[in-house]
Amino acid sequence: MSTEPSKLINNLKTVSSRYLRKEFVDEVEKVYWKDVFWTNGYFIATCGGVTVEQLKRYIEEQDRPVE
């Protein structure tokens, strides 16, 4: 069974917001005044069908200037 990335991110944001507000009540109240903790937006990218080594190599090659 797999989870849609958008649902995973939404769940992570919901759970982490509840945890942070409960665990750090005083700290959050000092600097945060909105009803929502996270914004609606996010960026997510997936890469299927490649190994971790291939992905690392791809990322490392992004620093190289185009010749």
N, C-alpha and C. Protein backbone atom coordinates (compact mmCIF):
# COMPACT_ATOMS: atom_id res chain seq x y z
N MET A 1 0.85 -1.18 0.00
CA MET A 1 0.00 0.00 0.00
C MET A 1 0.89 1.25 0.00
N SER A 2 0.57 2.19 -0.85
CA SER A 2 1.36 3.42 -0.90
C SER A 2 0.47 4.62 -0.55
N THR A 3 1.13 5.65 -0.11
CA THR A 3 0.44 6.88 0.27
C THR A 3 0.73 7.95 -0.76
N GLU A 4 -0.27 8.71 -1.12
CA GLU A 4 -0.06 9.83 -2.03
C GLU A 4 0.83 10.85 -1.34
N PRO A 5 1.85 11.37 -2.03
CA PRO A 5 2.75 12.35 -1.40
C PRO A 5 2.01 13.55 -0.80
N SER A 6 0.97 14.03 -1.48
CA SER A 6 0.24 15.19 -0.96
C SER A 6 -0.44 14.88 0.37
N LYS A 7 -0.98 13.67 0.49
CA LYS A 7 -1.63 13.27 1.74
C LYS A 7 -0.61 13.09 2.85
N LEU A 8 0.55 12.54 2.51
CA LEU A 8 1.62 12.37 3.49
C LEU A 8 2.06 13.73 4.04
N ILE A 9 2.30 14.68 3.17
CA ILE A 9 2.74 16.01 3.60
C ILE A 9 1.67 16.68 4.45
N ASN A 10 0.41 16.57 4.04
CA ASN A 10 -0.68 17.16 4.80
C ASN A 10 -0.73 16.56 6.21
N ASN A 11 -0.59 15.24 6.32
CA ASN A 11 -0.59 14.60 7.62
C ASN A 11 0.60 15.02 8.47
N LEU A 12 1.78 15.11 7.87
CA LEU A 12 2.96 15.56 8.60
C LEU A 12 2.79 16.98 9.14
N LYS A 13 2.23 17.85 8.32
CA LYS A 13 2.02 19.23 8.75
C LYS A 13 0.99 19.30 9.88
N THR A 14 -0.07 18.52 9.78
CA THR A 14 -1.11 18.52 10.81
C THR A 14 -0.55 18.00 12.13
N VAL A 15 0.09 16.85 12.10
CA VAL A 15 0.62 16.24 13.33
C VAL A 15 1.71 17.11 13.94
N SER A 16 2.62 17.62 13.13
CA SER A 16 3.71 18.43 13.68
C SER A 16 3.19 19.75 14.27
N SER A 17 2.17 20.34 13.66
CA SER A 17 1.58 21.55 14.20
C SER A 17 0.96 21.31 15.57
N ARG A 18 0.20 20.24 15.68
CA ARG A 18 -0.41 19.90 16.97
C ARG A 18 0.65 19.63 18.03
N TYR A 19 1.67 18.89 17.66
CA TYR A 19 2.74 18.57 18.60
C TYR A 19 3.46 19.84 19.07
N LEU A 20 3.86 20.68 18.13
CA LEU A 20 4.59 21.90 18.48
C LEU A 20 3.76 22.82 19.36
N ARG A 21 2.49 22.98 19.03
CA ARG A 21 1.63 23.85 19.83
C ARG A 21 1.40 23.28 21.23
N LYS A 22 1.36 21.97 21.37
CA LYS A 22 1.15 21.35 22.67
C LYS A 22 2.43 21.33 23.50
N GLU A 23 3.53 20.95 22.87
CA GLU A 23 4.81 20.78 23.57
C GLU A 23 5.47 22.11 23.92
N PHE A 24 5.30 23.11 23.07
CA PHE A 24 6.00 24.39 23.26
C PHE A 24 5.00 25.54 23.32
N VAL A 25 4.02 25.43 24.19
CA VAL A 25 2.92 26.41 24.27
C VAL A 25 3.45 27.83 24.45
N ASP A 26 4.27 28.05 25.46
CA ASP A 26 4.75 29.40 25.76
C ASP A 26 5.60 29.97 24.63
N GLU A 27 6.49 29.15 24.10
CA GLU A 27 7.37 29.63 23.04
C GLU A 27 6.59 30.00 21.79
N VAL A 28 5.64 29.16 21.42
CA VAL A 28 4.85 29.43 20.22
C VAL A 28 4.01 30.68 20.40
N GLU A 29 3.37 30.83 21.56
CA GLU A 29 2.52 32.00 21.79
C GLU A 29 3.30 33.31 21.76
N LYS A 30 4.57 33.28 22.12
CA LYS A 30 5.39 34.50 22.10
C LYS A 30 5.64 35.02 20.70
N VAL A 31 5.77 34.11 19.73
CA VAL A 31 6.18 34.53 18.39
C VAL A 31 5.16 34.25 17.30
N TYR A 32 4.09 33.54 17.63
CA TYR A 32 3.15 33.14 16.59
C TYR A 32 1.73 33.45 17.02
N TRP A 33 0.99 34.10 16.15
CA TRP A 33 -0.34 34.56 16.54
C TRP A 33 -1.45 34.07 15.59
N LYS A 34 -1.11 33.36 14.55
CA LYS A 34 -2.12 32.91 13.58
C LYS A 34 -2.78 31.61 14.03
N ASP A 35 -3.97 31.34 13.47
CA ASP A 35 -4.67 30.09 13.77
C ASP A 35 -4.01 28.87 13.14
N VAL A 36 -3.39 29.07 11.99
CA VAL A 36 -2.73 27.96 11.30
C VAL A 36 -1.22 28.07 11.49
N PHE A 37 -0.57 26.93 11.59
CA PHE A 37 0.87 26.94 11.84
C PHE A 37 1.67 26.94 10.54
N TRP A 38 1.26 26.11 9.60
CA TRP A 38 1.96 26.01 8.32
C TRP A 38 1.13 26.68 7.22
N THR A 39 1.78 27.05 6.15
CA THR A 39 1.06 27.58 4.99
C THR A 39 0.43 26.42 4.23
N ASN A 40 -0.49 26.74 3.33
CA ASN A 40 -1.13 25.71 2.52
C ASN A 40 -0.18 25.10 1.49
N GLY A 41 0.81 25.86 1.08
CA GLY A 41 1.68 25.40 0.01
C GLY A 41 2.85 24.57 0.48
N TYR A 42 3.39 23.82 -0.44
CA TYR A 42 4.60 23.05 -0.20
C TYR A 42 5.15 22.61 -1.55
N PHE A 43 6.39 22.20 -1.55
CA PHE A 43 7.00 21.64 -2.75
C PHE A 43 7.41 20.22 -2.45
N ILE A 44 7.11 19.33 -3.34
CA ILE A 44 7.52 17.94 -3.18
C ILE A 44 7.94 17.41 -4.54
N ALA A 45 8.97 16.62 -4.54
CA ALA A 45 9.42 15.98 -5.77
C ALA A 45 9.66 14.51 -5.46
N THR A 46 9.38 13.68 -6.42
CA THR A 46 9.63 12.26 -6.25
C THR A 46 10.55 11.79 -7.36
N CYS A 47 11.22 10.71 -7.11
CA CYS A 47 12.08 10.14 -8.13
C CYS A 47 11.96 8.62 -8.03
N GLY A 48 11.34 8.06 -8.98
CA GLY A 48 11.14 6.62 -8.98
C GLY A 48 12.02 5.96 -10.02
N GLY A 49 12.33 4.71 -9.77
CA GLY A 49 13.08 3.95 -10.76
C GLY A 49 14.56 4.23 -10.81
N VAL A 50 15.09 4.92 -9.81
CA VAL A 50 16.53 5.16 -9.76
C VAL A 50 17.05 4.72 -8.41
N THR A 51 18.34 4.41 -8.38
CA THR A 51 18.96 4.03 -7.11
C THR A 51 19.38 5.29 -6.37
N VAL A 52 19.68 5.12 -5.11
CA VAL A 52 20.16 6.26 -4.31
C VAL A 52 21.46 6.78 -4.89
N GLU A 53 22.31 5.90 -5.34
CA GLU A 53 23.58 6.33 -5.95
C GLU A 53 23.35 7.16 -7.20
N GLN A 54 22.41 6.76 -8.05
CA GLN A 54 22.10 7.53 -9.25
C GLN A 54 21.57 8.91 -8.88
N LEU A 55 20.74 8.96 -7.88
CA LEU A 55 20.19 10.23 -7.43
C LEU A 55 21.28 11.14 -6.88
N LYS A 56 22.17 10.59 -6.07
CA LYS A 56 23.30 11.37 -5.53
C LYS A 56 24.14 11.94 -6.66
N ARG A 57 24.46 11.09 -7.65
CA ARG A 57 25.29 11.53 -8.77
C ARG A 57 24.58 12.66 -9.53
N TYR A 58 23.29 12.53 -9.75
CA TYR A 58 22.53 13.56 -10.44
C TYR A 58 22.61 14.89 -9.69
N ILE A 59 22.41 14.85 -8.38
CA ILE A 59 22.46 16.07 -7.56
C ILE A 59 23.85 16.68 -7.60
N GLU A 60 24.88 15.86 -7.44
CA GLU A 60 26.25 16.37 -7.47
C GLU A 60 26.58 17.04 -8.79
N GLU A 61 26.06 16.52 -9.88
CA GLU A 61 26.35 17.08 -11.20
C GLU A 61 25.63 18.40 -11.45
N GLN A 62 24.69 18.77 -10.62
CA GLN A 62 23.97 20.03 -10.79
C GLN A 62 24.86 21.24 -10.52
N ASP A 63 25.95 21.05 -9.77
CA ASP A 63 26.86 22.15 -9.48
C ASP A 63 27.80 22.49 -10.64
N ARG A 64 27.89 21.61 -11.60
CA ARG A 64 28.82 21.80 -12.70
C ARG A 64 28.27 22.80 -13.71
N PRO A 65 29.11 23.73 -14.14
CA PRO A 65 28.64 24.70 -15.15
C PRO A 65 28.45 24.01 -16.50
N VAL A 66 27.54 24.54 -17.27
CA VAL A 66 27.29 24.01 -18.61
C VAL A 66 28.43 24.43 -19.51
N GLU A 67 28.96 23.49 -20.26
CA GLU A 67 30.09 23.80 -21.17
C GLU A 67 29.62 24.02 -22.57
